[in-house]
């Protein structure tokens, strides 16, 4: 069996995608830190819980929706719960199961994070690319997802 080597264009694009992705996240994290706010991972978890509504999410559902490894989600949920930003509720038909739900304080923290995060997205992407370029980039990146997002 022969190994397929990537094209020079694929290698160049991969490297650029990895560097730009890291740079965008680092700059966003810096903006949050400068604003005295928690890290971006907090926003990711709080956002998914807010989107889930009053029913919340089971931890395994949350893990499928965020960019963190399972052990990081467990640790972060414990921290968010200790800070009163989320609450764990028992699942009636599963004695050991829990649902995690965002609290009003968590919604306020999410709102404060978004004020800085949204501004960072505007400055780092929206101000640099046209609407058409953003749409094209979103389509191209969607094709790299597993499964692909075809829009």
Protein backbone atom coordinates (compact mmCIF):
# COMPACT_ATOMS: atom_id res chain seq x y z
CA UNK A 1 0.00 0.00 0.00
CA UNK A 2 1.44 3.36 -0.99
CA UNK A 3 1.16 6.38 1.18
CA UNK A 4 -0.38 9.43 -0.42
CA UNK A 5 1.70 12.54 0.14
CA UNK A 6 -0.06 15.88 0.51
CA UNK A 7 0.34 18.42 -2.26
CA UNK A 8 2.56 21.43 -1.58
CA UNK A 9 -0.61 23.56 -1.62
CA UNK A 10 -2.23 21.37 1.04
CA UNK A 11 0.87 21.58 3.26
CA UNK A 12 1.07 25.38 2.85
CA UNK A 13 -2.65 25.80 3.57
CA UNK A 14 -2.54 23.45 6.57
CA UNK A 15 0.34 25.37 8.14
CA UNK A 16 -1.35 28.70 7.54
CA UNK A 17 -4.68 27.46 8.93
CA UNK A 18 -3.02 26.13 12.09
CA UNK A 19 -1.01 29.34 12.68
CA UNK A 20 -3.92 31.68 11.98
CA UNK A 21 -6.27 29.64 14.17
CA UNK A 22 -3.82 29.75 17.08
CA UNK A 23 -3.22 33.47 16.56
CA UNK A 24 -6.94 34.32 16.51
CA UNK A 25 -7.58 32.36 19.70
CA UNK A 26 -4.55 33.89 21.44
CA UNK A 27 -5.59 37.43 20.53
CA UNK A 28 -9.13 36.76 21.72
CA UNK A 29 -7.83 35.27 24.98
CA UNK A 30 -5.61 38.34 25.45
CA UNK A 31 -8.61 40.65 24.97
CA UNK A 32 -10.65 38.69 27.52
CA UNK A 33 -7.78 38.72 30.01
CA UNK A 34 -7.30 42.48 29.52
CA UNK A 35 -11.01 42.90 30.29
CA UNK A 36 -10.62 40.96 33.55
CA UNK A 37 -12.74 38.14 32.16
CA UNK A 38 -12.41 34.34 32.27
CA UNK A 39 -10.97 32.34 29.35
CA UNK A 40 -12.73 31.63 26.08
CA UNK A 41 -13.58 28.06 27.12
CA UNK A 42 -15.95 29.51 29.71
CA UNK A 43 -17.86 31.33 26.98
CA UNK A 44 -18.03 28.17 24.87
CA UNK A 45 -19.62 26.15 27.69
CA UNK A 46 -21.93 28.94 28.88
CA UNK A 47 -23.05 29.60 25.30
CA UNK A 48 -23.97 25.96 24.66
CA UNK A 49 -25.86 25.76 27.96
CA UNK A 50 -27.72 28.99 27.23
CA UNK A 51 -28.64 27.74 23.75
CA UNK A 52 -29.95 24.49 25.26
CA UNK A 53 -32.58 26.41 27.25
CA UNK A 54 -34.03 25.61 30.64
CA UNK A 55 -33.65 21.88 30.12
CA UNK A 56 -29.86 22.20 30.06
CA UNK A 57 -27.60 19.48 28.73
CA UNK A 58 -26.24 16.20 29.97
CA UNK A 59 -22.44 16.39 30.36
CA UNK A 60 -21.86 13.98 27.45
CA UNK A 61 -24.03 16.20 25.21
CA UNK A 62 -22.00 19.23 26.22
CA UNK A 63 -18.73 17.43 25.45
CA UNK A 64 -19.99 16.77 21.90
CA UNK A 65 -20.68 20.50 21.38
CA UNK A 66 -17.58 22.20 22.75
CA UNK A 67 -13.94 22.32 21.69
CA UNK A 68 -12.56 20.83 24.91
CA UNK A 69 -11.53 17.31 25.87
CA UNK A 70 -13.83 15.41 28.25
CA UNK A 71 -11.55 15.76 31.27
CA UNK A 72 -11.28 19.52 30.67
CA UNK A 73 -15.07 19.86 30.47
CA UNK A 74 -15.50 17.98 33.76
CA UNK A 75 -12.96 20.23 35.48
CA UNK A 76 -14.45 23.40 33.96
CA UNK A 77 -17.98 22.42 34.97
CA UNK A 78 -16.82 21.97 38.56
CA UNK A 79 -15.28 25.46 38.48
CA UNK A 80 -18.36 27.04 36.87
CA UNK A 81 -20.58 25.35 39.45
CA UNK A 82 -18.36 26.58 42.32
CA UNK A 83 -18.65 30.12 40.92
CA UNK A 84 -22.45 29.80 40.70
CA UNK A 85 -22.55 30.05 36.88
CA UNK A 86 -24.07 26.61 36.30
CA UNK A 87 -26.08 24.17 38.35
CA UNK A 88 -26.32 20.39 38.20
CA UNK A 89 -29.73 18.80 38.41
CA UNK A 90 -30.52 15.11 38.82
CA UNK A 91 -32.12 13.27 35.91
CA UNK A 92 -35.33 11.66 37.13
CA UNK A 93 -35.08 8.46 35.08
CA UNK A 94 -31.32 7.99 35.61
CA UNK A 95 -30.20 7.72 39.22
CA UNK A 96 -26.61 8.68 38.47
CA UNK A 97 -27.33 11.06 35.59
CA UNK A 98 -27.14 14.83 35.77
CA UNK A 99 -28.22 17.75 33.67
CA UNK A 100 -26.19 20.94 33.69
CA UNK A 101 -28.03 24.24 33.35
CA UNK A 102 -26.80 27.83 33.16
CA UNK A 103 -27.81 30.13 36.05
CA UNK A 104 -28.79 33.81 35.83
CA UNK A 105 -25.27 34.67 36.99
CA UNK A 106 -23.91 32.46 34.21
CA UNK A 107 -26.06 34.33 31.68
CA UNK A 108 -24.64 37.64 32.90
CA UNK A 109 -21.08 36.33 32.70
CA UNK A 110 -21.77 35.07 29.17
CA UNK A 111 -23.09 38.51 28.21
CA UNK A 112 -19.94 40.21 29.58
CA UNK A 113 -17.69 37.71 27.78
CA UNK A 114 -19.58 38.23 24.51
CA UNK A 115 -19.10 42.00 24.64
CA UNK A 116 -15.33 41.42 24.36
CA UNK A 117 -15.44 38.24 22.28
CA UNK A 118 -17.82 39.73 19.70
CA UNK A 119 -15.62 42.80 19.36
CA UNK A 120 -12.58 40.56 18.84
CA UNK A 121 -14.39 38.64 16.08
CA UNK A 122 -15.26 41.92 14.38
CA UNK A 123 -11.72 43.25 14.60
CA UNK A 124 -9.93 40.00 13.72
CA UNK A 125 -12.21 38.82 10.91
CA UNK A 126 -15.12 41.09 10.10
CA UNK A 127 -12.97 44.18 9.55
CA UNK A 128 -10.43 42.28 7.42
CA UNK A 129 -12.64 40.28 5.06
CA UNK A 130 -15.67 41.27 3.01
CA UNK A 131 -19.03 39.59 3.53
CA UNK A 132 -18.44 37.57 0.38
CA UNK A 133 -15.00 36.46 1.56
CA UNK A 134 -16.40 35.47 4.95
CA UNK A 135 -19.13 33.41 3.26
CA UNK A 136 -16.55 31.71 1.01
CA UNK A 137 -14.26 30.94 3.97
CA UNK A 138 -17.19 29.53 5.97
CA UNK A 139 -18.16 27.28 3.03
CA UNK A 140 -14.59 26.05 2.52
CA UNK A 141 -14.07 25.33 6.23
CA UNK A 142 -17.45 23.61 6.34
CA UNK A 143 -16.21 21.15 3.73
CA UNK A 144 -13.31 20.20 6.03
CA UNK A 145 -15.62 19.30 8.93
CA UNK A 146 -16.50 15.71 9.71
CA UNK A 147 -19.19 15.27 8.58
CA UNK A 148 -18.93 18.08 6.04
CA UNK A 149 -21.29 21.04 6.36
CA UNK A 150 -22.65 21.79 2.93
CA UNK A 151 -24.37 25.15 2.76
